[in-house]
Structures are given as structure tokens and as C-alpha cells.
């Protein structure tokens, strides 16, 4: 705590900068007395507890594929499973084989048999909402899922369904995007027909539904 006090006194511009930001955003300025009281209320034990909790959930980006030690574990790059629900095909299908699954429990983007991203509604910490219908759901586990209704067959109702499922206090309105920022399907008719013929020759049957335990 003494080091924090010394650093603050050695750099008073930090307090001025913070109060300037608070003024811009409608907050109340913090006086030196307020800062001293805040520091006095923090005990070394509380700092250790917060540090230990942060370490348990911290993410470390390191070069290479080797873990830096036995205390570290690789971060998951895919969700454990997908939710049950309605399956929407990509507007670029069958060139793009991704599927979007939306149900009562949440929403999943299934990219392959081994790769899917799921955000369950009770664990959705925030959902960014654009006026054009795009939604980005951010899960408690750190996974983020961007949903563009224009990229899914039957996607026009996605925004309304997501807005109803996610608690209102978790929805963060975003400003209107220019039309050129709204994505559109990329596959041409020729590419879709060719991909469909290739799939049929290979005997691959289209998937209509997925379960929570088997996202493939």
C-alpha cells in the first residue's frame, strides 16, 4: 500500500487524468482523501485473495505449443457440446457447411464435428445488439458468438428470438452500421450447385438436427 501511495504522489497527473475522464462521462471526481480511504480499506489478505482468484482464471499467451509449467493447462478452443434446437443452414450452403442451432437453452455455431461454439442464455454475460439484427453473445467462459441474420437461411427472426431469450439487462445497444458493413452471402449459384453435386456423389446426406451431446 505504501508503494501505491508513493506512486500516486510521484505521478499526480494520474489522478487528474482519471478525474478528467469522470467529468467527461458524468461521474463524480475522486479527491485525495477518497483515494486514501480506499487504500486504507484494502488489506494485504484481500489483495492475496484477489490475486489467487485472478491467477486461477487468467489466460496466458505464450509462444509455441509447449506449456510453460505444470501449473498451466491449455485453454479450450471449442465448446464441450451444442444445444438442442432448430438448425439453420448457411446462406452459402452447401459451399459453407456451418450450422447455427438455436433453442430454449442457448445458441451454437457448429463448424465441424470437432469444432463448435456455444453460448447458453443463463451464462450470457452480455449481448451486443445492432439495429440491423446482428447480435454478439459473450459467454461466461469467454467464448463469443457473432450472429449475422443475413448469413443464415431463415435468419430474419433470429434477432427477436435472441432478444427474448437474453435478459434485458445483458443487452448492450450498438450504433447503426452502414450498409456496406452488413455482410452478405458470398457463394455464387454456380459454386452452390457444384458443391451440391459433389456432396451427392460422395453420398453425404444433409444434417437436419443436432443434439446437445453430439454436435457432429
Protein backbone atom coordinates (compact mmCIF):
# COMPACT_ATOMS: atom_id res chain seq x y z
CA UNK A 1 0.00 0.00 0.00
CA UNK A 2 2.89 2.35 0.75
CA UNK A 3 4.20 1.78 -2.76
CA UNK A 4 0.81 2.69 -4.23
CA UNK A 5 0.70 5.86 -2.17
CA UNK A 6 4.24 6.78 -3.24
CA UNK A 7 3.48 6.11 -6.91
CA UNK A 8 0.34 8.25 -6.73
CA UNK A 9 2.17 11.16 -5.11
CA UNK A 10 5.05 10.87 -7.60
CA UNK A 11 2.61 10.99 -10.51
CA UNK A 12 -0.28 13.34 -9.65
CA UNK A 13 -1.23 13.53 -13.34
CA UNK A 14 -2.79 10.07 -12.99
CA UNK A 15 -5.40 11.41 -10.58
CA UNK A 16 -6.05 14.41 -12.81
CA UNK A 17 -6.47 12.16 -15.86
CA UNK A 18 -8.92 9.92 -14.01
CA UNK A 19 -10.99 12.86 -12.83
CA UNK A 20 -11.00 14.33 -16.34
CA UNK A 21 -12.47 11.07 -17.67
CA UNK A 22 -15.07 11.02 -14.90
CA UNK A 23 -16.07 14.57 -15.79
CA UNK A 24 -16.47 13.63 -19.46
CA UNK A 25 -18.62 10.61 -18.63
CA UNK A 26 -20.72 12.30 -15.98
CA UNK A 27 -19.00 10.77 -12.96
CA UNK A 28 -18.03 12.33 -9.65
CA UNK A 29 -14.38 13.38 -9.12
CA UNK A 30 -12.32 11.49 -6.55
CA UNK A 31 -10.34 13.51 -4.02
CA UNK A 32 -7.05 12.59 -2.38
CA UNK A 33 -8.99 11.88 0.82
CA UNK A 34 -11.24 9.43 -1.05
CA UNK A 35 -8.22 7.64 -2.50
CA UNK A 36 -6.55 7.41 0.91
CA UNK A 37 -9.72 5.95 2.41
CA UNK A 38 -9.94 3.38 -0.41
CA UNK A 39 -6.33 2.31 0.12
CA UNK A 40 -6.80 2.09 3.88
CA UNK A 41 -9.82 -0.22 3.41
CA UNK A 42 -7.76 -2.77 1.45
CA UNK A 43 -5.88 -5.34 3.49
CA UNK A 44 -2.93 -7.46 2.33
CA UNK A 45 -5.10 -10.56 2.80
CA UNK A 46 -7.72 -9.16 0.42
CA UNK A 47 -5.04 -8.45 -2.19
CA UNK A 48 -3.73 -12.01 -1.91
CA UNK A 49 -7.24 -13.46 -2.27
CA UNK A 50 -7.96 -11.40 -5.38
CA UNK A 51 -4.58 -12.32 -6.86
CA UNK A 52 -5.16 -16.03 -6.27
CA UNK A 53 -8.62 -15.87 -7.83
CA UNK A 54 -7.28 -13.97 -10.85
CA UNK A 55 -4.48 -16.50 -11.31
CA UNK A 56 -6.94 -19.41 -11.36
CA UNK A 57 -8.82 -17.92 -14.32
CA UNK A 58 -6.04 -15.96 -16.03
CA UNK A 59 -5.17 -16.53 -19.69
CA UNK A 60 -1.54 -16.53 -20.77
CA UNK A 61 -0.49 -16.21 -24.40
CA UNK A 62 2.87 -17.89 -24.87
CA UNK A 63 4.94 -18.68 -27.99
CA UNK A 64 4.99 -22.22 -29.33
CA UNK A 65 2.89 -25.15 -28.20
CA UNK A 66 4.77 -26.14 -25.05
CA UNK A 67 3.17 -25.28 -21.72
CA UNK A 68 5.40 -23.10 -19.51
CA UNK A 69 4.88 -25.33 -16.48
CA UNK A 70 2.76 -27.93 -14.74
CA UNK A 71 0.53 -25.25 -13.22
CA UNK A 72 -0.75 -24.29 -16.67
CA UNK A 73 -3.33 -26.01 -18.84
CA UNK A 74 -4.25 -25.37 -22.47
CA UNK A 75 -7.27 -23.09 -22.88
CA UNK A 76 -10.24 -24.76 -24.61
CA UNK A 77 -10.72 -23.72 -28.22
CA UNK A 78 -14.14 -25.29 -28.64
CA UNK A 79 -17.26 -25.68 -26.51
CA UNK A 80 -17.97 -29.07 -24.98
CA UNK A 81 -21.26 -29.54 -26.80
CA UNK A 82 -24.04 -27.89 -28.79
CA UNK A 83 -27.56 -27.04 -27.67
CA UNK A 84 -30.73 -28.76 -28.83
CA UNK A 85 -32.93 -26.74 -31.13
CA UNK A 86 -33.72 -25.57 -34.63
CA UNK A 87 -30.89 -25.94 -37.13
CA UNK A 88 -30.31 -23.16 -39.64
CA UNK A 89 -28.14 -23.68 -42.68
CA UNK A 90 -25.72 -21.11 -44.02
CA UNK A 91 -26.96 -18.93 -46.86
CA UNK A 92 -23.83 -20.15 -48.67
CA UNK A 93 -24.70 -23.83 -48.17
CA UNK A 94 -23.55 -26.31 -49.25
CA UNK A 95 -20.31 -24.40 -50.01
CA UNK A 96 -20.31 -23.40 -46.33
CA UNK A 97 -21.25 -26.34 -44.13
CA UNK A 98 -21.60 -24.42 -40.89
CA UNK A 99 -24.86 -24.74 -38.97
CA UNK A 100 -26.48 -22.47 -36.43
CA UNK A 101 -28.51 -24.15 -33.71
CA UNK A 102 -30.88 -22.06 -31.60
CA UNK A 103 -33.04 -23.48 -28.84
CA UNK A 104 -34.51 -22.74 -25.41
CA UNK A 105 -31.15 -23.24 -23.67
CA UNK A 106 -28.90 -21.21 -25.92
CA UNK A 107 -27.31 -20.96 -29.35
CA UNK A 108 -24.47 -22.88 -31.01
CA UNK A 109 -22.39 -22.40 -34.12
CA UNK A 110 -21.37 -25.85 -35.35
CA UNK A 111 -18.40 -25.55 -37.70
CA UNK A 112 -17.33 -29.20 -37.82
CA UNK A 113 -17.56 -32.46 -35.88
CA UNK A 114 -14.83 -31.24 -33.53
CA UNK A 115 -15.41 -27.51 -33.51
CA UNK A 116 -18.43 -25.69 -32.11
CA UNK A 117 -19.05 -22.52 -30.12
CA UNK A 118 -21.94 -22.48 -27.65
CA UNK A 119 -23.32 -19.68 -25.52
CA UNK A 120 -26.11 -20.70 -23.15
CA UNK A 121 -28.58 -17.98 -22.29
CA UNK A 122 -28.23 -18.23 -18.49
CA UNK A 123 -24.44 -17.88 -18.92
CA UNK A 124 -24.59 -14.99 -21.39
CA UNK A 125 -22.81 -12.09 -19.70
CA UNK A 126 -23.56 -9.59 -22.46
CA UNK A 127 -25.16 -9.41 -25.88
CA UNK A 128 -24.25 -6.60 -28.25
CA UNK A 129 -27.26 -5.65 -30.37
CA UNK A 130 -27.17 -3.74 -33.67
CA UNK A 131 -30.30 -2.19 -35.25
CA UNK A 132 -29.86 -4.31 -38.39
CA UNK A 133 -30.31 -7.52 -36.38
CA UNK A 134 -26.73 -8.60 -35.78
CA UNK A 135 -26.04 -9.96 -32.31
CA UNK A 136 -22.82 -10.87 -30.49
CA UNK A 137 -23.26 -13.10 -27.45
CA UNK A 138 -20.43 -13.24 -24.90
CA UNK A 139 -20.45 -16.25 -22.60
CA UNK A 140 -19.19 -16.52 -19.06
CA UNK A 141 -16.47 -18.90 -20.26
CA UNK A 142 -15.07 -16.28 -22.64
CA UNK A 143 -16.48 -17.72 -25.86
CA UNK A 144 -18.04 -15.14 -28.15
CA UNK A 145 -20.53 -15.81 -30.92
CA UNK A 146 -21.37 -13.27 -33.63
CA UNK A 147 -24.68 -13.92 -35.39
CA UNK A 148 -25.42 -12.14 -38.67
CA UNK A 149 -29.03 -12.90 -39.71
CA UNK A 150 -28.22 -12.16 -43.37
CA UNK A 151 -25.86 -15.15 -43.46
CA UNK A 152 -28.44 -17.77 -42.44
CA UNK A 153 -31.40 -19.24 -44.29
CA UNK A 154 -34.47 -18.23 -42.29
CA UNK A 155 -32.39 -15.86 -40.17
CA UNK A 156 -34.82 -12.94 -40.22
CA UNK A 157 -36.33 -13.97 -36.86
CA UNK A 158 -33.03 -14.54 -35.06
CA UNK A 159 -32.75 -11.07 -33.53
CA UNK A 160 -36.24 -11.21 -31.99
CA UNK A 161 -35.68 -14.72 -30.61
CA UNK A 162 -32.34 -13.77 -29.06
CA UNK A 163 -33.70 -10.53 -27.60
CA UNK A 164 -36.47 -12.50 -25.93
CA UNK A 165 -34.15 -15.17 -24.56
CA UNK A 166 -31.37 -12.97 -23.17
CA UNK A 167 -32.16 -10.92 -20.01
CA UNK A 168 -32.79 -7.28 -20.86
CA UNK A 169 -30.07 -6.04 -18.52
CA UNK A 170 -27.49 -8.03 -20.52
CA UNK A 171 -28.36 -6.42 -23.87
CA UNK A 172 -25.99 -3.65 -24.97
CA UNK A 173 -27.35 -1.49 -27.83
CA UNK A 174 -24.84 -0.66 -30.54
CA UNK A 175 -24.96 2.15 -33.12
CA UNK A 176 -26.35 1.66 -36.60
CA UNK A 177 -23.93 0.21 -39.12
CA UNK A 178 -23.52 1.48 -42.66
CA UNK A 179 -24.99 -0.87 -45.30
CA UNK A 180 -21.54 -1.84 -46.57
CA UNK A 181 -20.67 -3.21 -43.12
CA UNK A 182 -23.55 -5.69 -43.14
CA UNK A 183 -22.25 -9.00 -44.57
CA UNK A 184 -23.92 -10.80 -47.45
CA UNK A 185 -23.66 -14.38 -48.75
CA UNK A 186 -20.58 -14.83 -50.94
CA UNK A 187 -21.14 -18.11 -52.79
CA UNK A 188 -22.37 -17.85 -56.36
CA UNK A 189 -25.14 -20.03 -57.75
CA UNK A 190 -22.53 -21.98 -59.73
CA UNK A 191 -20.49 -22.66 -56.58
CA UNK A 192 -23.56 -23.86 -54.69
CA UNK A 193 -24.67 -26.19 -57.49
CA UNK A 194 -21.18 -27.60 -57.88
CA UNK A 195 -20.84 -28.19 -54.13
CA UNK A 196 -24.25 -29.89 -54.05
CA UNK A 197 -23.32 -32.24 -56.91
CA UNK A 198 -20.01 -33.06 -55.24
CA UNK A 199 -21.78 -33.80 -51.97
CA UNK A 200 -24.38 -36.01 -53.65
CA UNK A 201 -21.71 -38.01 -55.47
CA UNK A 202 -19.93 -38.58 -52.18
CA UNK A 203 -23.18 -39.81 -50.63
CA UNK A 204 -23.20 -37.19 -47.86
CA UNK A 205 -26.71 -36.71 -46.52
CA UNK A 206 -27.63 -33.22 -45.25
CA UNK A 207 -28.00 -32.92 -41.48
CA UNK A 208 -31.29 -31.51 -40.26
CA UNK A 209 -30.91 -31.61 -36.49
CA UNK A 210 -28.22 -31.85 -33.85
CA UNK A 211 -28.37 -32.84 -30.20
CA UNK A 212 -26.64 -31.36 -27.20
CA UNK A 213 -24.41 -34.39 -26.78
CA UNK A 214 -23.47 -34.87 -30.40
CA UNK A 215 -22.62 -31.70 -32.31
CA UNK A 216 -21.25 -33.50 -35.31
